Amino acid sequence: MLHHSIYRRNSIVVYIALMMINISCDSSLSDEYRFKEKREEMVLTQIIARGIKDKKVINAMRNVGRHHFVASELQNQSYDDHPLPIGEGQTISQPYIVAYMTEALDIKDSDKILEIGTGSGYQAAILAEICKDVYTIEINENLGKSAIQTIAELGYDNIHIKVGDGFLGWDKYSPYNSIIVTCSPSKIPEPLVRQLADGGKIIIPVNHQGAQDLILFMKVNGKLIEKSVLPVRFVPMIDNKGSSY
């Protein structure tokens, strides 16, 4: 009788454990479905409705889960029309700005892209959906390590992250077909100009006396030619000591 009672208790414990696992799985699937719906709404109302036309960019915005790149307590806001904090005084950019900057570069699937300012890794993931390789640099060690972990968990093998000074670029893998800068210096870093292939584009928010313009340049015969401008607000580009460039 004693053995029978123990067996029943053990069976109940196992049953409850299995029920909890099933509930957890169902909840995770439900969350992913809800986030997918929110992501589709974001693409329709924030991306396509504002004039983004490149199908590769639109598909990338549909495919990449922005909620993976923010803290769990902010995931319900991850598809809202604004930036979100990611720690260390940094933010993940507004979805439209990510799409706008990506489309402006007119990326080909064979391209090699350099990103300055990895942050959470979201912009790098969007780029990686479109191009061959993304090389991205983050000055903040904690953010860099977190981005490396997130990118690995999501299975991207064409994103290469380095913790270092973005002003200096990543000369080892240059030249790059395009360069995207997600932090704002007061001038365009000369190393980035050198590392950009001729005919390539760089999009960068440049700080002029407190105001910022997101400027698209094309490199022609070694010189940058301005293509377009959009007023924006990005965090400043800093060096290893925390001073602004």
Protein backbone atom coordinates (compact mmCIF):
# COMPACT_ATOMS: atom_id res chain seq x y z
CA MET A 1 0.00 0.00 0.00
CA LEU A 2 2.85 2.33 0.81
CA HIS A 3 4.57 1.63 -2.51
CA HIS A 4 1.30 2.21 -4.34
CA SER A 5 0.89 5.65 -2.66
CA ILE A 6 4.46 6.63 -3.53
CA TYR A 7 3.86 5.57 -7.13
CA ARG A 8 0.68 7.65 -7.30
CA ARG A 9 2.43 10.69 -5.79
CA ASN A 10 5.30 10.34 -8.24
CA SER A 11 2.87 9.99 -11.13
CA ILE A 12 1.06 13.16 -10.05
CA VAL A 13 4.37 15.06 -9.82
CA VAL A 14 5.37 13.91 -13.30
CA TYR A 15 1.94 14.81 -14.68
CA ILE A 16 2.09 18.31 -13.15
CA ALA A 17 5.63 18.81 -14.50
CA LEU A 18 4.50 17.80 -18.01
CA MET A 19 1.50 20.11 -17.76
CA MET A 20 3.78 23.01 -16.76
CA ILE A 21 6.08 22.29 -19.73
CA ASN A 22 3.09 22.24 -22.09
CA ILE A 23 1.75 25.49 -20.65
CA SER A 24 5.18 27.09 -21.02
CA CYS A 25 5.49 25.92 -24.64
CA ASP A 26 1.97 27.09 -25.46
CA SER A 27 2.73 30.47 -23.88
CA SER A 28 5.96 30.84 -25.88
CA LEU A 29 4.17 29.95 -29.12
CA SER A 30 1.40 32.38 -28.26
CA ASP A 31 3.93 35.16 -27.60
CA GLU A 32 5.74 34.51 -30.89
CA TYR A 33 2.43 34.62 -32.79
CA ARG A 34 1.48 37.87 -31.04
CA PHE A 35 4.87 39.42 -31.83
CA LYS A 36 4.55 38.31 -35.46
CA GLU A 37 1.20 40.09 -35.70
CA LYS A 38 2.69 43.23 -34.12
CA ARG A 39 5.64 43.04 -36.52
CA GLU A 40 3.33 42.84 -39.53
CA GLU A 41 1.37 45.84 -38.27
CA MET A 42 4.68 47.72 -37.80
CA VAL A 43 5.74 46.95 -41.37
CA LEU A 44 2.40 48.08 -42.83
CA THR A 45 1.90 51.26 -40.78
CA GLN A 46 5.44 52.43 -40.03
CA ILE A 47 7.51 51.14 -42.95
CA ILE A 48 5.44 50.74 -46.14
CA ALA A 49 3.03 53.59 -45.32
CA ARG A 50 6.00 55.97 -44.97
CA GLY A 51 7.39 55.19 -48.37
CA ILE A 52 9.86 52.31 -47.97
CA LYS A 53 9.63 50.38 -51.25
CA ASP A 54 12.63 48.04 -51.36
CA LYS A 55 11.17 44.53 -51.03
CA LYS A 56 14.40 43.19 -49.54
CA VAL A 57 14.23 45.76 -46.75
CA ILE A 58 10.53 45.15 -46.15
CA ASN A 59 11.09 41.38 -45.95
CA ALA A 60 14.00 41.86 -43.56
CA MET A 61 11.83 44.01 -41.28
CA ARG A 62 9.22 41.24 -41.39
CA ASN A 63 11.71 38.47 -40.66
CA VAL A 64 13.73 39.94 -37.79
CA GLY A 65 12.07 39.90 -34.38
CA ARG A 66 12.83 43.27 -32.76
CA HIS A 67 11.63 41.88 -29.43
CA HIS A 68 14.73 39.67 -29.28
CA PHE A 69 16.92 42.78 -29.03
CA VAL A 70 15.33 44.50 -26.01
CA ALA A 71 14.91 43.57 -22.36
CA SER A 72 11.98 41.28 -21.50
CA GLU A 73 10.12 44.07 -19.69
CA LEU A 74 10.19 46.17 -22.88
CA GLN A 75 9.20 43.45 -25.35
CA ASN A 76 5.57 44.55 -25.46
CA GLN A 77 6.81 47.92 -26.78
CA SER A 78 9.29 46.43 -29.24
CA TYR A 79 7.17 47.17 -32.34
CA ASP A 80 6.07 50.66 -31.29
CA ASP A 81 7.03 53.70 -33.33
CA HIS A 82 9.93 54.96 -31.20
CA PRO A 83 13.43 54.08 -29.96
CA LEU A 84 13.84 51.94 -26.84
CA PRO A 85 16.60 51.88 -24.18
CA ILE A 86 19.01 48.93 -24.33
CA GLY A 87 21.16 49.87 -21.32
CA GLU A 88 24.46 51.72 -20.95
CA GLY A 89 22.71 54.95 -21.95
CA GLN A 90 22.09 53.62 -25.49
CA THR A 91 18.95 52.95 -27.53
CA ILE A 92 17.66 50.71 -30.30
CA SER A 93 16.58 52.96 -33.19
CA GLN A 94 13.01 53.60 -34.29
CA PRO A 95 12.00 50.90 -36.81
CA TYR A 96 11.42 53.42 -39.62
CA ILE A 97 14.91 54.89 -39.23
CA VAL A 98 16.43 51.38 -39.43
CA ALA A 99 14.47 50.71 -42.64
CA TYR A 100 15.23 54.15 -44.10
CA MET A 101 18.98 53.86 -43.53
CA THR A 102 19.05 50.33 -44.92
CA GLU A 103 17.09 51.21 -48.06
CA ALA A 104 19.24 54.29 -48.71
CA LEU A 105 22.31 52.10 -49.17
CA ASP A 106 20.69 50.06 -52.00
CA ILE A 107 22.37 46.87 -50.74
CA LYS A 108 23.11 43.92 -53.02
CA ASP A 109 23.16 40.33 -51.77
CA SER A 110 26.91 40.07 -52.51
CA ASP A 111 27.78 43.23 -50.53
CA LYS A 112 30.04 43.49 -47.51
CA ILE A 113 28.78 46.10 -45.03
CA LEU A 114 30.50 47.87 -42.14
CA GLU A 115 28.32 49.08 -39.26
CA ILE A 116 29.57 51.48 -36.60
CA GLY A 117 27.57 51.19 -33.37
CA THR A 118 26.30 47.63 -32.95
CA GLY A 119 24.11 48.43 -29.95
CA SER A 120 21.74 45.52 -29.43
CA GLY A 121 22.51 44.02 -32.86
CA TYR A 122 19.12 44.75 -34.45
CA GLN A 123 20.38 46.85 -37.34
CA ALA A 124 23.10 44.28 -38.03
CA ALA A 125 20.47 41.53 -38.21
CA ILE A 126 18.40 43.54 -40.69
CA LEU A 127 21.50 44.03 -42.86
CA ALA A 128 22.45 40.36 -42.56
CA GLU A 129 19.09 39.35 -44.05
CA ILE A 130 20.05 41.22 -47.23
CA CYS A 131 23.84 41.16 -47.75
CA LYS A 132 26.65 38.61 -47.70
CA ASP A 133 28.55 39.81 -44.60
CA VAL A 134 28.15 42.43 -41.89
CA TYR A 135 31.13 43.67 -39.89
CA THR A 136 29.99 45.69 -36.90
CA ILE A 137 31.83 47.52 -34.11
CA GLU A 138 30.58 48.44 -30.62
CA ILE A 139 32.59 50.68 -28.26
CA ASN A 140 30.74 49.53 -25.13
CA GLU A 141 32.02 46.14 -23.96
CA ASN A 142 28.82 45.14 -22.15
CA LEU A 143 26.65 45.93 -25.15
CA GLY A 144 29.12 44.21 -27.48
CA LYS A 145 29.09 40.99 -25.45
CA SER A 146 25.30 41.05 -25.20
CA ALA A 147 24.96 41.56 -28.97
CA ILE A 148 27.37 38.69 -29.66
CA GLN A 149 25.23 36.40 -27.50
CA THR A 150 21.94 37.51 -29.08
CA ILE A 151 23.28 37.15 -32.63
CA ALA A 152 24.64 33.67 -31.83
CA GLU A 153 21.32 32.57 -30.32
CA LEU A 154 19.48 33.72 -33.44
CA GLY A 155 21.85 31.72 -35.65
CA TYR A 156 23.41 34.44 -37.82
CA ASP A 157 26.76 33.29 -39.18
CA ASN A 158 27.35 36.30 -41.44
CA ILE A 159 27.52 38.91 -38.68
CA HIS A 160 30.99 39.61 -37.27
CA ILE A 161 31.11 41.75 -34.09
CA LYS A 162 34.10 43.51 -32.59
CA VAL A 163 34.36 45.57 -29.40
CA GLY A 164 36.41 48.62 -30.29
CA ASP A 165 36.55 52.25 -31.43
CA GLY A 166 34.20 52.71 -34.36
CA PHE A 167 35.91 55.94 -35.44
CA LEU A 168 38.83 53.79 -36.62
CA GLY A 169 36.63 51.39 -38.58
CA TRP A 170 37.74 47.80 -39.28
CA ASP A 171 40.52 48.05 -41.82
CA LYS A 172 41.28 44.32 -41.93
CA TYR A 173 38.18 43.51 -43.99
CA SER A 174 37.99 46.68 -46.09
CA PRO A 175 37.01 47.88 -48.60
CA TYR A 176 33.29 47.83 -47.82
CA ASN A 177 30.48 48.28 -50.33
CA SER A 178 28.57 50.38 -47.80
CA ILE A 179 29.07 51.81 -44.31
CA ILE A 180 26.25 52.59 -41.89
CA VAL A 181 26.92 54.68 -38.78
CA THR A 182 24.37 54.64 -35.95
CA CYS A 183 26.05 57.19 -33.68
CA SER A 184 26.78 60.83 -34.37
CA PRO A 185 30.29 62.35 -34.74
CA SER A 186 30.96 66.03 -35.41
CA LYS A 187 32.78 65.09 -38.61
CA ILE A 188 33.02 62.07 -40.90
CA PRO A 189 35.82 59.80 -39.66
CA GLU A 190 38.61 59.72 -42.25
CA PRO A 191 39.34 56.00 -41.64
CA LEU A 192 35.78 55.19 -42.73
CA VAL A 193 36.21 57.18 -45.93
CA ARG A 194 39.37 55.22 -46.72
CA GLN A 195 37.69 51.88 -45.98
CA LEU A 196 34.69 52.59 -48.24
CA ALA A 197 34.99 51.17 -51.77
CA ASP A 198 34.85 53.62 -54.64
CA GLY A 199 31.25 53.81 -55.78
CA GLY A 200 30.11 52.79 -52.29
CA LYS A 201 27.76 54.67 -49.96
CA ILE A 202 28.01 55.78 -46.37
CA ILE A 203 25.03 56.93 -44.32
CA ILE A 204 25.90 58.80 -41.14
CA PRO A 205 24.24 61.22 -38.68
CA VAL A 206 26.58 64.23 -38.48
CA ASN A 207 26.36 66.61 -35.52
CA HIS A 208 26.41 70.33 -36.38
CA GLN A 209 26.28 72.56 -33.27
CA GLY A 210 23.78 70.36 -31.46
CA ALA A 211 21.62 69.57 -34.47
CA GLN A 212 22.00 66.31 -36.38
CA ASP A 213 21.51 65.53 -40.06
CA LEU A 214 21.43 61.99 -41.38
CA ILE A 215 23.49 62.34 -44.56
CA LEU A 216 23.94 59.86 -47.40
CA PHE A 217 27.24 60.14 -49.28
CA MET A 218 28.59 58.33 -52.32
CA LYS A 219 32.33 57.89 -52.80
CA VAL A 220 33.39 58.96 -56.30
CA ASN A 221 37.07 59.01 -57.27
CA GLY A 222 38.07 59.01 -53.62
CA LYS A 223 35.79 61.90 -52.59
CA LEU A 224 32.40 61.94 -50.88
CA ILE A 225 29.45 63.46 -52.71
CA GLU A 226 26.38 64.33 -50.64
CA LYS A 227 23.17 62.65 -51.82
CA SER A 228 20.41 63.33 -49.28
CA VAL A 229 19.66 64.67 -45.79
CA LEU A 230 17.17 63.86 -43.02
CA PRO A 231 17.00 65.53 -39.57
CA VAL A 232 17.52 62.89 -36.83
CA ARG A 233 18.63 62.33 -33.24
CA PHE A 234 21.29 59.71 -32.45
CA VAL A 235 23.60 59.16 -29.50
CA PRO A 236 27.07 60.72 -29.94
CA MET A 237 30.05 58.78 -31.25
CA ILE A 238 32.54 58.37 -28.37
CA ASP A 239 36.09 57.13 -27.92
CA ASN A 240 37.41 54.58 -25.39
CA LYS A 241 37.52 57.26 -22.70
CA GLY A 242 33.91 58.31 -23.23
CA SER A 243 34.71 61.60 -24.98
CA SER A 244 32.66 62.62 -28.00
CA TYR A 245 34.23 62.76 -31.46
